[in-house]
Amino acid sequence: MYILSDVDSILSVSECDSTDKSNLVSDDVCLIDAGTKVFVWIGKGSSLREQSQAMILAQKVISGFNRGKGANIVRVLQGQEGRVKGFNQMLA
């Protein structure tokens, strides 16, 4: 799991050791790599820059690891996790 954070106009990416639900940060965007899917979790307080850069990073993950055309990017809004099939199962 990766967390994208925009602090003082500097975008940083940090890696979490686990995909625990407590690691989701409302002010940031989190990427969860699930193999054939990359979930982009959008926190309610995240900036537009974080959101757009997360989608670009997710595309790079898919192409960089040669996931093929069957791989998907799934956008998940904070509070709507239960509506996205497979998302809650990815969290520890």
C-alpha atoms as a PDB file:
ATOM      1  CA  MET A   1       0.000   0.000   0.000  1.00  0.00           C
ATOM      2  CA  TYR A   2       1.253   3.455  -0.910  1.00  0.00           C
ATOM      3  CA  ILE A   3       0.131   6.807   0.474  1.00  0.00           C
ATOM      4  CA  LEU A   4       0.321   9.951  -1.665  1.00  0.00           C
ATOM      5  CA  SER A   5       0.505  13.143   0.336  1.00  0.00           C
ATOM      6  CA  ASP A   6       0.728  16.755  -0.812  1.00  0.00           C
ATOM      7  CA  VAL A   7       2.352  18.833   1.923  1.00  0.00           C
ATOM      8  CA  ASP A   8       3.530  22.378   1.207  1.00  0.00           C
ATOM      9  CA  SER A   9       3.196  21.790  -2.562  1.00  0.00           C
ATOM     10  CA  ILE A  10       5.517  18.777  -2.413  1.00  0.00           C
ATOM     11  CA  LEU A  11       4.006  15.459  -3.427  1.00  0.00           C
ATOM     12  CA  SER A  12       5.455  12.511  -1.558  1.00  0.00           C
ATOM     13  CA  VAL A  13       4.818   8.786  -1.775  1.00  0.00           C
ATOM     14  CA  SER A  14       5.351   6.548   1.225  1.00  0.00           C
ATOM     15  CA  GLU A  15       4.971   2.803   1.499  1.00  0.00           C
ATOM     16  CA  CYS A  16       3.079   1.099   4.319  1.00  0.00           C
ATOM     17  CA  ASP A  17       4.128  -2.268   5.663  1.00  0.00           C
ATOM     18  CA  SER A  18       0.551  -3.546   5.746  1.00  0.00           C
ATOM     19  CA  THR A  19      -2.755  -2.935   4.029  1.00  0.00           C
ATOM     20  CA  ASP A  20      -4.511  -2.274   7.302  1.00  0.00           C
ATOM     21  CA  LYS A  21      -7.629  -0.099   7.266  1.00  0.00           C
ATOM     22  CA  SER A  22      -6.073   2.092   9.976  1.00  0.00           C
ATOM     23  CA  ASN A  23      -3.384   3.147   7.456  1.00  0.00           C
ATOM     24  CA  LEU A  24      -5.950   4.911   5.236  1.00  0.00           C
ATOM     25  CA  VAL A  25      -5.524   8.679   5.717  1.00  0.00           C
ATOM     26  CA  SER A  26      -8.537  10.932   5.072  1.00  0.00           C
ATOM     27  CA  ASP A  27      -6.363  13.833   3.886  1.00  0.00           C
ATOM     28  CA  ASP A  28      -4.446  11.706   1.373  1.00  0.00           C
ATOM     29  CA  VAL A  29      -4.869   9.159  -1.413  1.00  0.00           C
ATOM     30  CA  CYS A  30      -3.848   5.529  -0.983  1.00  0.00           C
ATOM     31  CA  LEU A  31      -2.932   2.956  -3.628  1.00  0.00           C
ATOM     32  CA  ILE A  32      -3.452  -0.727  -2.956  1.00  0.00           C
ATOM     33  CA  ASP A  33      -1.942  -3.126  -5.487  1.00  0.00           C
ATOM     34  CA  ALA A  34      -4.087  -6.254  -5.721  1.00  0.00           C
ATOM     35  CA  GLY A  35      -2.431  -7.874  -8.727  1.00  0.00           C
ATOM     36  CA  THR A  36      -5.080  -7.653 -11.430  1.00  0.00           C
ATOM     37  CA  LYS A  37      -6.502  -4.495  -9.835  1.00  0.00           C
ATOM     38  CA  VAL A  38      -5.005  -1.364  -8.388  1.00  0.00           C
ATOM     39  CA  PHE A  39      -7.367   0.318  -5.942  1.00  0.00           C
ATOM     40  CA  VAL A  40      -7.052   4.108  -5.665  1.00  0.00           C
ATOM     41  CA  TRP A  41      -8.677   5.095  -2.379  1.00  0.00           C
ATOM     42  CA  ILE A  42      -9.614   8.791  -2.341  1.00  0.00           C
ATOM     43  CA  GLY A  43      -9.739  10.362   1.120  1.00  0.00           C
ATOM     44  CA  LYS A  44     -12.381  13.072   1.672  1.00  0.00           C
ATOM     45  CA  GLY A  45      -9.742  15.682   2.478  1.00  0.00           C
ATOM     46  CA  SER A  46      -7.354  14.816  -0.367  1.00  0.00           C
ATOM     47  CA  SER A  47      -6.322  17.471  -2.853  1.00  0.00           C
ATOM     48  CA  LEU A  48      -7.097  17.386  -6.569  1.00  0.00           C
ATOM     49  CA  ARG A  49      -3.370  17.115  -7.227  1.00  0.00           C
ATOM     50  CA  GLU A  50      -3.102  14.011  -5.042  1.00  0.00           C
ATOM     51  CA  GLN A  51      -6.091  12.461  -6.810  1.00  0.00           C
ATOM     52  CA  SER A  52      -4.811  13.080 -10.333  1.00  0.00           C
ATOM     53  CA  GLN A  53      -1.253  11.990  -9.551  1.00  0.00           C
ATOM     54  CA  ALA A  54      -2.547   8.807  -7.910  1.00  0.00           C
ATOM     55  CA  MET A  55      -4.334   7.841 -11.111  1.00  0.00           C
ATOM     56  CA  ILE A  56      -1.140   8.463 -13.117  1.00  0.00           C
ATOM     57  CA  LEU A  57       0.887   6.409 -10.624  1.00  0.00           C
ATOM     58  CA  ALA A  58      -1.649   3.566 -10.787  1.00  0.00           C
ATOM     59  CA  GLN A  59      -1.304   3.504 -14.584  1.00  0.00           C
ATOM     60  CA  LYS A  60       2.483   3.325 -14.207  1.00  0.00           C
ATOM     61  CA  VAL A  61       2.168   0.415 -11.766  1.00  0.00           C
ATOM     62  CA  ILE A  62       0.078  -1.527 -14.262  1.00  0.00           C
ATOM     63  CA  SER A  63       2.347  -0.825 -17.222  1.00  0.00           C
ATOM     64  CA  GLY A  64       5.595  -1.136 -15.230  1.00  0.00           C
ATOM     65  CA  PHE A  65       4.747  -4.607 -13.996  1.00  0.00           C
ATOM     66  CA  ASN A  66       3.368  -5.738 -17.381  1.00  0.00           C
ATOM     67  CA  ARG A  67      -0.037  -6.585 -15.959  1.00  0.00           C
ATOM     68  CA  GLY A  68      -1.590  -6.642 -19.411  1.00  0.00           C
ATOM     69  CA  LYS A  69      -4.912  -5.424 -20.672  1.00  0.00           C
ATOM     70  CA  GLY A  70      -6.863  -7.383 -18.066  1.00  0.00           C
ATOM     71  CA  ALA A  71      -5.628  -5.190 -15.219  1.00  0.00           C
ATOM     72  CA  ASN A  72      -7.950  -2.498 -13.886  1.00  0.00           C
ATOM     73  CA  ILE A  73      -7.705   0.687 -11.884  1.00  0.00           C
ATOM     74  CA  VAL A  74     -10.594   0.985  -9.441  1.00  0.00           C
ATOM     75  CA  ARG A  75     -11.324   4.338  -7.823  1.00  0.00           C
ATOM     76  CA  VAL A  76     -12.779   4.088  -4.301  1.00  0.00           C
ATOM     77  CA  LEU A  77     -14.208   7.111  -2.500  1.00  0.00           C
ATOM     78  CA  GLN A  78     -13.909   7.315   1.279  1.00  0.00           C
ATOM     79  CA  GLY A  79     -17.192   6.167   2.802  1.00  0.00           C
ATOM     80  CA  GLN A  80     -18.117   4.127  -0.279  1.00  0.00           C
ATOM     81  CA  GLU A  81     -15.761   1.184   0.320  1.00  0.00           C
ATOM     82  CA  GLY A  82     -18.600  -1.314   0.794  1.00  0.00           C
ATOM     83  CA  ARG A  83     -19.898  -0.589  -2.709  1.00  0.00           C
ATOM     84  CA  VAL A  84     -16.645  -1.688  -4.387  1.00  0.00           C
ATOM     85  CA  LYS A  85     -16.328  -5.427  -4.806  1.00  0.00           C
ATOM     86  CA  GLY A  86     -13.109  -6.824  -3.363  1.00  0.00           C
ATOM     87  CA  PHE A  87     -11.865  -3.663  -1.671  1.00  0.00           C
ATOM     88  CA  ASN A  88     -12.632  -4.547   1.960  1.00  0.00           C
ATOM     89  CA  GLN A  89     -11.107  -8.005   1.444  1.00  0.00           C
ATOM     90  CA  MET A  90      -7.767  -6.336   0.569  1.00  0.00           C
ATOM     91  CA  LEU A  91      -7.609  -4.627   3.953  1.00  0.00           C
ATOM     92  CA  ALA A  92      -6.261  -6.582   6.915  1.00  0.00           C
END
